[in-house]
Amino acid sequence: MGIDLIFKIAAIGILISVLNQVLIRAGREEQAMLTTLAGLVVVLLMVIQQIDYLFNTVKTIFDL
């Protein structure tokens, strides 16, 4: 875990925002929206994995 997760999320955000602007300038608003949605899904999956790891750690610590 650690700071690398934050850097990965930031890199995805920067990449998606640049791609979104390029697609909007090209007149492809639908593809821009889908690209933004895909980026959001990828980041949410990364965060969900970390939350699962947190819950498993808490269960292990308290012997639940």
PDB file of N, CA and C in Angstrom:
ATOM      1  N   MET A   1       0.848  -1.170   0.000  1.00  0.00           N
ATOM      2  CA  MET A   1       0.000   0.000   0.000  1.00  0.00           C
ATOM      3  C   MET A   1       0.895   1.235   0.000  1.00  0.00           C
ATOM      4  N   GLY A   2       0.608   2.225   0.796  1.00  0.00           N
ATOM      5  CA  GLY A   2       1.498   3.366   0.930  1.00  0.00           C
ATOM      6  C   GLY A   2       1.231   4.474  -0.066  1.00  0.00           C
ATOM      7  N   ILE A   3       2.280   5.228  -0.300  1.00  0.00           N
ATOM      8  CA  ILE A   3       2.167   6.418  -1.130  1.00  0.00           C
ATOM      9  C   ILE A   3       2.042   6.073  -2.615  1.00  0.00           C
ATOM     10  N   ASP A   4       2.480   4.873  -3.006  1.00  0.00           N
ATOM     11  CA  ASP A   4       2.406   4.501  -4.417  1.00  0.00           C
ATOM     12  C   ASP A   4       0.968   4.431  -4.924  1.00  0.00           C
ATOM     13  N   LEU A   5       0.038   4.085  -4.039  1.00  0.00           N
ATOM     14  CA  LEU A   5      -1.378   4.068  -4.429  1.00  0.00           C
ATOM     15  C   LEU A   5      -1.855   5.477  -4.769  1.00  0.00           C
ATOM     16  N   ILE A   6      -1.443   6.439  -3.970  1.00  0.00           N
ATOM     17  CA  ILE A   6      -1.827   7.833  -4.236  1.00  0.00           C
ATOM     18  C   ILE A   6      -1.248   8.296  -5.567  1.00  0.00           C
ATOM     19  N   PHE A   7       0.000   7.931  -5.833  1.00  0.00           N
ATOM     20  CA  PHE A   7       0.619   8.311  -7.107  1.00  0.00           C
ATOM     21  C   PHE A   7      -0.069   7.640  -8.292  1.00  0.00           C
ATOM     22  N   LYS A   8      -0.475   6.387  -8.121  1.00  0.00           N
ATOM     23  CA  LYS A   8      -1.185   5.690  -9.198  1.00  0.00           C
ATOM     24  C   LYS A   8      -2.526   6.361  -9.493  1.00  0.00           C
ATOM     25  N   ILE A   9      -3.256   6.716  -8.438  1.00  0.00           N
ATOM     26  CA  ILE A   9      -4.547   7.374  -8.622  1.00  0.00           C
ATOM     27  C   ILE A   9      -4.356   8.745  -9.272  1.00  0.00           C
ATOM     28  N   ALA A  10      -3.333   9.474  -8.849  1.00  0.00           N
ATOM     29  CA  ALA A  10      -3.060  10.783  -9.444  1.00  0.00           C
ATOM     30  C   ALA A  10      -2.677  10.655 -10.914  1.00  0.00           C
ATOM     31  N   ALA A  11      -1.873   9.652 -11.238  1.00  0.00           N
ATOM     32  CA  ALA A  11      -1.469   9.447 -12.631  1.00  0.00           C
ATOM     33  C   ALA A  11      -2.670   9.095 -13.503  1.00  0.00           C
ATOM     34  N   ILE A  12      -3.542   8.265 -12.991  1.00  0.00           N
ATOM     35  CA  ILE A  12      -4.754   7.918 -13.743  1.00  0.00           C
ATOM     36  C   ILE A  12      -5.615   9.151 -13.940  1.00  0.00           C
ATOM     37  N   GLY A  13      -5.743   9.966 -12.901  1.00  0.00           N
ATOM     38  CA  GLY A  13      -6.537  11.188 -13.003  1.00  0.00           C
ATOM     39  C   GLY A  13      -5.987  12.153 -14.027  1.00  0.00           C
ATOM     40  N   ILE A  14      -4.679  12.342 -14.033  1.00  0.00           N
ATOM     41  CA  ILE A  14      -4.054  13.243 -15.006  1.00  0.00           C
ATOM     42  C   ILE A  14      -4.225  12.708 -16.418  1.00  0.00           C
ATOM     43  N   LEU A  15      -3.981  11.418 -16.602  1.00  0.00           N
ATOM     44  CA  LEU A  15      -4.114  10.814 -17.929  1.00  0.00           C
ATOM     45  C   LEU A  15      -5.549  10.918 -18.444  1.00  0.00           C
ATOM     46  N   ILE A  16      -6.501  10.629 -17.598  1.00  0.00           N
ATOM     47  CA  ILE A  16      -7.907  10.681 -18.012  1.00  0.00           C
ATOM     48  C   ILE A  16      -8.328  12.113 -18.317  1.00  0.00           C
ATOM     49  N   SER A  17      -7.865  13.072 -17.521  1.00  0.00           N
ATOM     50  CA  SER A  17      -8.266  14.456 -17.780  1.00  0.00           C
ATOM     51  C   SER A  17      -7.689  14.970 -19.095  1.00  0.00           C
ATOM     52  N   VAL A  18      -6.448  14.614 -19.400  1.00  0.00           N
ATOM     53  CA  VAL A  18      -5.850  15.024 -20.682  1.00  0.00           C
ATOM     54  C   VAL A  18      -6.581  14.358 -21.837  1.00  0.00           C
ATOM     55  N   LEU A  19      -6.829  13.076 -21.706  1.00  0.00           N
ATOM     56  CA  LEU A  19      -7.549  12.359 -22.760  1.00  0.00           C
ATOM     57  C   LEU A  19      -8.955  12.905 -22.945  1.00  0.00           C
ATOM     58  N   ASN A  20      -9.591  13.264 -21.839  1.00  0.00           N
ATOM     59  CA  ASN A  20     -10.929  13.839 -21.889  1.00  0.00           C
ATOM     60  C   ASN A  20     -10.910  15.161 -22.663  1.00  0.00           C
ATOM     61  N   GLN A  21      -9.951  16.024 -22.384  1.00  0.00           N
ATOM     62  CA  GLN A  21      -9.868  17.308 -23.076  1.00  0.00           C
ATOM     63  C   GLN A  21      -9.587  17.129 -24.567  1.00  0.00           C
ATOM     64  N   VAL A  22      -8.729  16.183 -24.902  1.00  0.00           N
ATOM     65  CA  VAL A  22      -8.422  15.927 -26.316  1.00  0.00           C
ATOM     66  C   VAL A  22      -9.673  15.445 -27.046  1.00  0.00           C
ATOM     67  N   LEU A  23     -10.410  14.547 -26.425  1.00  0.00           N
ATOM     68  CA  LEU A  23     -11.611  14.024 -27.074  1.00  0.00           C
ATOM     69  C   LEU A  23     -12.698  15.093 -27.191  1.00  0.00           C
ATOM     70  N   ILE A  24     -12.834  15.947 -26.189  1.00  0.00           N
ATOM     71  CA  ILE A  24     -13.829  17.016 -26.276  1.00  0.00           C
ATOM     72  C   ILE A  24     -13.468  17.998 -27.388  1.00  0.00           C
ATOM     73  N   ARG A  25     -12.190  18.342 -27.493  1.00  0.00           N
ATOM     74  CA  ARG A  25     -11.747  19.257 -28.562  1.00  0.00           C
ATOM     75  C   ARG A  25     -11.956  18.659 -29.947  1.00  0.00           C
ATOM     76  N   ALA A  26     -11.907  17.321 -30.021  1.00  0.00           N
ATOM     77  CA  ALA A  26     -12.105  16.653 -31.303  1.00  0.00           C
ATOM     78  C   ALA A  26     -13.585  16.464 -31.620  1.00  0.00           C
ATOM     79  N   GLY A  27     -14.464  16.878 -30.693  1.00  0.00           N
ATOM     80  CA  GLY A  27     -15.887  16.756 -30.935  1.00  0.00           C
ATOM     81  C   GLY A  27     -16.467  15.402 -30.602  1.00  0.00           C
ATOM     82  N   ARG A  28     -15.769  14.645 -29.794  1.00  0.00           N
ATOM     83  CA  ARG A  28     -16.232  13.301 -29.424  1.00  0.00           C
ATOM     84  C   ARG A  28     -16.582  13.287 -27.936  1.00  0.00           C
ATOM     85  N   GLU A  29     -17.676  13.949 -27.618  1.00  0.00           N
ATOM     86  CA  GLU A  29     -18.076  14.078 -26.223  1.00  0.00           C
ATOM     87  C   GLU A  29     -18.493  12.746 -25.612  1.00  0.00           C
ATOM     88  N   GLU A  30     -19.099  11.877 -26.413  1.00  0.00           N
ATOM     89  CA  GLU A  30     -19.542  10.590 -25.889  1.00  0.00           C
ATOM     90  C   GLU A  30     -18.352   9.733 -25.471  1.00  0.00           C
ATOM     91  N   GLN A  31     -17.323   9.694 -26.307  1.00  0.00           N
ATOM     92  CA  GLN A  31     -16.131   8.929 -25.969  1.00  0.00           C
ATOM     93  C   GLN A  31     -15.415   9.546 -24.770  1.00  0.00           C
ATOM     94  N   ALA A  32     -15.459  10.871 -24.651  1.00  0.00           N
ATOM     95  CA  ALA A  32     -14.831  11.534 -23.506  1.00  0.00           C
ATOM     96  C   ALA A  32     -15.531  11.135 -22.214  1.00  0.00           C
ATOM     97  N   MET A  33     -16.846  11.082 -22.249  1.00  0.00           N
ATOM     98  CA  MET A  33     -17.593  10.688 -21.059  1.00  0.00           C
ATOM     99  C   MET A  33     -17.310   9.236 -20.697  1.00  0.00           C
ATOM    100  N   LEU A  34     -17.266   8.360 -21.699  1.00  0.00           N
ATOM    101  CA  LEU A  34     -16.986   6.949 -21.433  1.00  0.00           C
ATOM    102  C   LEU A  34     -15.571   6.749 -20.905  1.00  0.00           C
ATOM    103  N   THR A  35     -14.629   7.538 -21.395  1.00  0.00           N
ATOM    104  CA  THR A  35     -13.251   7.452 -20.906  1.00  0.00           C
ATOM    105  C   THR A  35     -13.179   7.881 -19.446  1.00  0.00           C
ATOM    106  N   THR A  36     -13.882   8.948 -19.122  1.00  0.00           N
ATOM    107  CA  THR A  36     -13.917   9.406 -17.735  1.00  0.00           C
ATOM    108  C   THR A  36     -14.559   8.359 -16.838  1.00  0.00           C
ATOM    109  N   LEU A  37     -15.623   7.746 -17.302  1.00  0.00           N
ATOM    110  CA  LEU A  37     -16.288   6.696 -16.534  1.00  0.00           C
ATOM    111  C   LEU A  37     -15.367   5.496 -16.323  1.00  0.00           C
ATOM    112  N   ALA A  38     -14.632   5.121 -17.361  1.00  0.00           N
ATOM    113  CA  ALA A  38     -13.706   3.993 -17.248  1.00  0.00           C
ATOM    114  C   ALA A  38     -12.609   4.304 -16.232  1.00  0.00           C
ATOM    115  N   GLY A  39     -12.094   5.524 -16.253  1.00  0.00           N
ATOM    116  CA  GLY A  39     -11.087   5.919 -15.274  1.00  0.00           C
ATOM    117  C   GLY A  39     -11.620   5.869 -13.854  1.00  0.00           C
ATOM    118  N   LEU A  40     -12.844   6.311 -13.688  1.00  0.00           N
ATOM    119  CA  LEU A  40     -13.475   6.275 -12.365  1.00  0.00           C
ATOM    120  C   LEU A  40     -13.641   4.841 -11.878  1.00  0.00           C
ATOM    121  N   VAL A  41     -14.046   3.957 -12.758  1.00  0.00           N
ATOM    122  CA  VAL A  41     -14.224   2.549 -12.386  1.00  0.00           C
ATOM    123  C   VAL A  41     -12.886   1.925 -11.987  1.00  0.00           C
ATOM    124  N   VAL A  42     -11.834   2.230 -12.726  1.00  0.00           N
ATOM    125  CA  VAL A  42     -10.516   1.678 -12.404  1.00  0.00           C
ATOM    126  C   VAL A  42     -10.065   2.147 -11.023  1.00  0.00           C
ATOM    127  N   VAL A  43     -10.228   3.433 -10.748  1.00  0.00           N
ATOM    128  CA  VAL A  43      -9.821   3.966  -9.443  1.00  0.00           C
ATOM    129  C   VAL A  43     -10.682   3.371  -8.332  1.00  0.00           C
ATOM    130  N   LEU A  44     -11.975   3.242  -8.560  1.00  0.00           N
ATOM    131  CA  LEU A  44     -12.842   2.650  -7.536  1.00  0.00           C
ATOM    132  C   LEU A  44     -12.464   1.201  -7.248  1.00  0.00           C
ATOM    133  N   LEU A  45     -12.098   0.455  -8.271  1.00  0.00           N
ATOM    134  CA  LEU A  45     -11.664  -0.927  -8.044  1.00  0.00           C
ATOM    135  C   LEU A  45     -10.384  -0.973  -7.223  1.00  0.00           C
ATOM    136  N   MET A  46      -9.476  -0.047  -7.483  1.00  0.00           N
ATOM    137  CA  MET A  46      -8.244   0.012  -6.691  1.00  0.00           C
ATOM    138  C   MET A  46      -8.553   0.326  -5.230  1.00  0.00           C
ATOM    139  N   VAL A  47      -9.453   1.257  -4.995  1.00  0.00           N
ATOM    140  CA  VAL A  47      -9.804   1.642  -3.630  1.00  0.00           C
ATOM    141  C   VAL A  47     -10.556   0.512  -2.930  1.00  0.00           C
ATOM    142  N   ILE A  48     -11.430  -0.171  -3.641  1.00  0.00           N
ATOM    143  CA  ILE A  48     -12.184  -1.280  -3.046  1.00  0.00           C
ATOM    144  C   ILE A  48     -11.240  -2.399  -2.613  1.00  0.00           C
ATOM    145  N   GLN A  49     -10.203  -2.665  -3.391  1.00  0.00           N
ATOM    146  CA  GLN A  49      -9.229  -3.679  -3.001  1.00  0.00           C
ATOM    147  C   GLN A  49      -8.531  -3.295  -1.705  1.00  0.00           C
ATOM    148  N   GLN A  50      -8.214  -2.017  -1.557  1.00  0.00           N
ATOM    149  CA  GLN A  50      -7.547  -1.564  -0.346  1.00  0.00           C
ATOM    150  C   GLN A  50      -8.482  -1.615   0.859  1.00  0.00           C
ATOM    151  N   ILE A  51      -9.761  -1.320   0.651  1.00  0.00           N
ATOM    152  CA  ILE A  51     -10.732  -1.408   1.740  1.00  0.00           C
ATOM    153  C   ILE A  51     -10.904  -2.865   2.174  1.00  0.00           C
ATOM    154  N   ASP A  52     -10.914  -3.790   1.215  1.00  0.00           N
ATOM    155  CA  ASP A  52     -10.991  -5.207   1.539  1.00  0.00           C
ATOM    156  C   ASP A  52      -9.775  -5.638   2.358  1.00  0.00           C
ATOM    157  N   TYR A  53      -8.616  -5.159   1.969  1.00  0.00           N
ATOM    158  CA  TYR A  53      -7.391  -5.459   2.712  1.00  0.00           C
ATOM    159  C   TYR A  53      -7.484  -4.917   4.137  1.00  0.00           C
ATOM    160  N   LEU A  54      -8.024  -3.705   4.287  1.00  0.00           N
ATOM    161  CA  LEU A  54      -8.194  -3.114   5.611  1.00  0.00           C
ATOM    162  C   LEU A  54      -9.133  -3.953   6.473  1.00  0.00           C
ATOM    163  N   PHE A  55     -10.277  -4.355   5.921  1.00  0.00           N
ATOM    164  CA  PHE A  55     -11.222  -5.160   6.683  1.00  0.00           C
ATOM    165  C   PHE A  55     -10.619  -6.502   7.089  1.00  0.00           C
ATOM    166  N   ASN A  56      -9.875  -7.128   6.191  1.00  0.00           N
ATOM    167  CA  ASN A  56      -9.233  -8.402   6.532  1.00  0.00           C
ATOM    168  C   ASN A  56      -8.199  -8.213   7.629  1.00  0.00           C
ATOM    169  N   THR A  57      -7.477  -7.120   7.599  1.00  0.00           N
ATOM    170  CA  THR A  57      -6.483  -6.841   8.639  1.00  0.00           C
ATOM    171  C   THR A  57      -7.158  -6.624   9.983  1.00  0.00           C
ATOM    172  N   VAL A  58      -8.252  -5.876  10.001  1.00  0.00           N
ATOM    173  CA  VAL A  58      -8.985  -5.641  11.246  1.00  0.00           C
ATOM    174  C   VAL A  58      -9.546  -6.953  11.790  1.00  0.00           C
ATOM    175  N   LYS A  59     -10.079  -7.805  10.911  1.00  0.00           N
ATOM    176  CA  LYS A  59     -10.585  -9.101  11.349  1.00  0.00           C
ATOM    177  C   LYS A  59      -9.474  -9.945  11.942  1.00  0.00           C
ATOM    178  N   THR A  60      -8.298  -9.910  11.348  1.00  0.00           N
ATOM    179  CA  THR A  60      -7.179 -10.687  11.844  1.00  0.00           C
ATOM    180  C   THR A  60      -6.703 -10.156  13.194  1.00  0.00           C
ATOM    181  N   ILE A  61      -6.652  -8.845  13.342  1.00  0.00           N
ATOM    182  CA  ILE A  61      -6.175  -8.256  14.592  1.00  0.00           C
ATOM    183  C   ILE A  61      -7.094  -8.603  15.746  1.00  0.00           C
ATOM    184  N   PHE A  62      -8.397  -8.528  15.545  1.00  0.00           N
ATOM    185  CA  PHE A  62      -9.349  -8.769  16.616  1.00  0.00           C
ATOM    186  C   PHE A  62      -9.861 -10.203  16.647  1.00  0.00           C
ATOM    187  N   ASP A  63      -9.291 -11.079  15.866  1.00  0.00           N
ATOM    188  CA  ASP A  63      -9.684 -12.505  15.826  1.00  0.00           C
ATOM    189  C   ASP A  63     -11.185 -12.679  15.625  1.00  0.00           C
ATOM    190  N   LEU A  64     -11.739 -12.025  14.626  1.00  0.00           N
ATOM    191  CA  LEU A  64     -13.167 -12.132  14.339  1.00  0.00           C
ATOM    192  C   LEU A  64     -13.437 -13.228  13.333  1.00  0.00           C
TER     193      LEU A  64
END
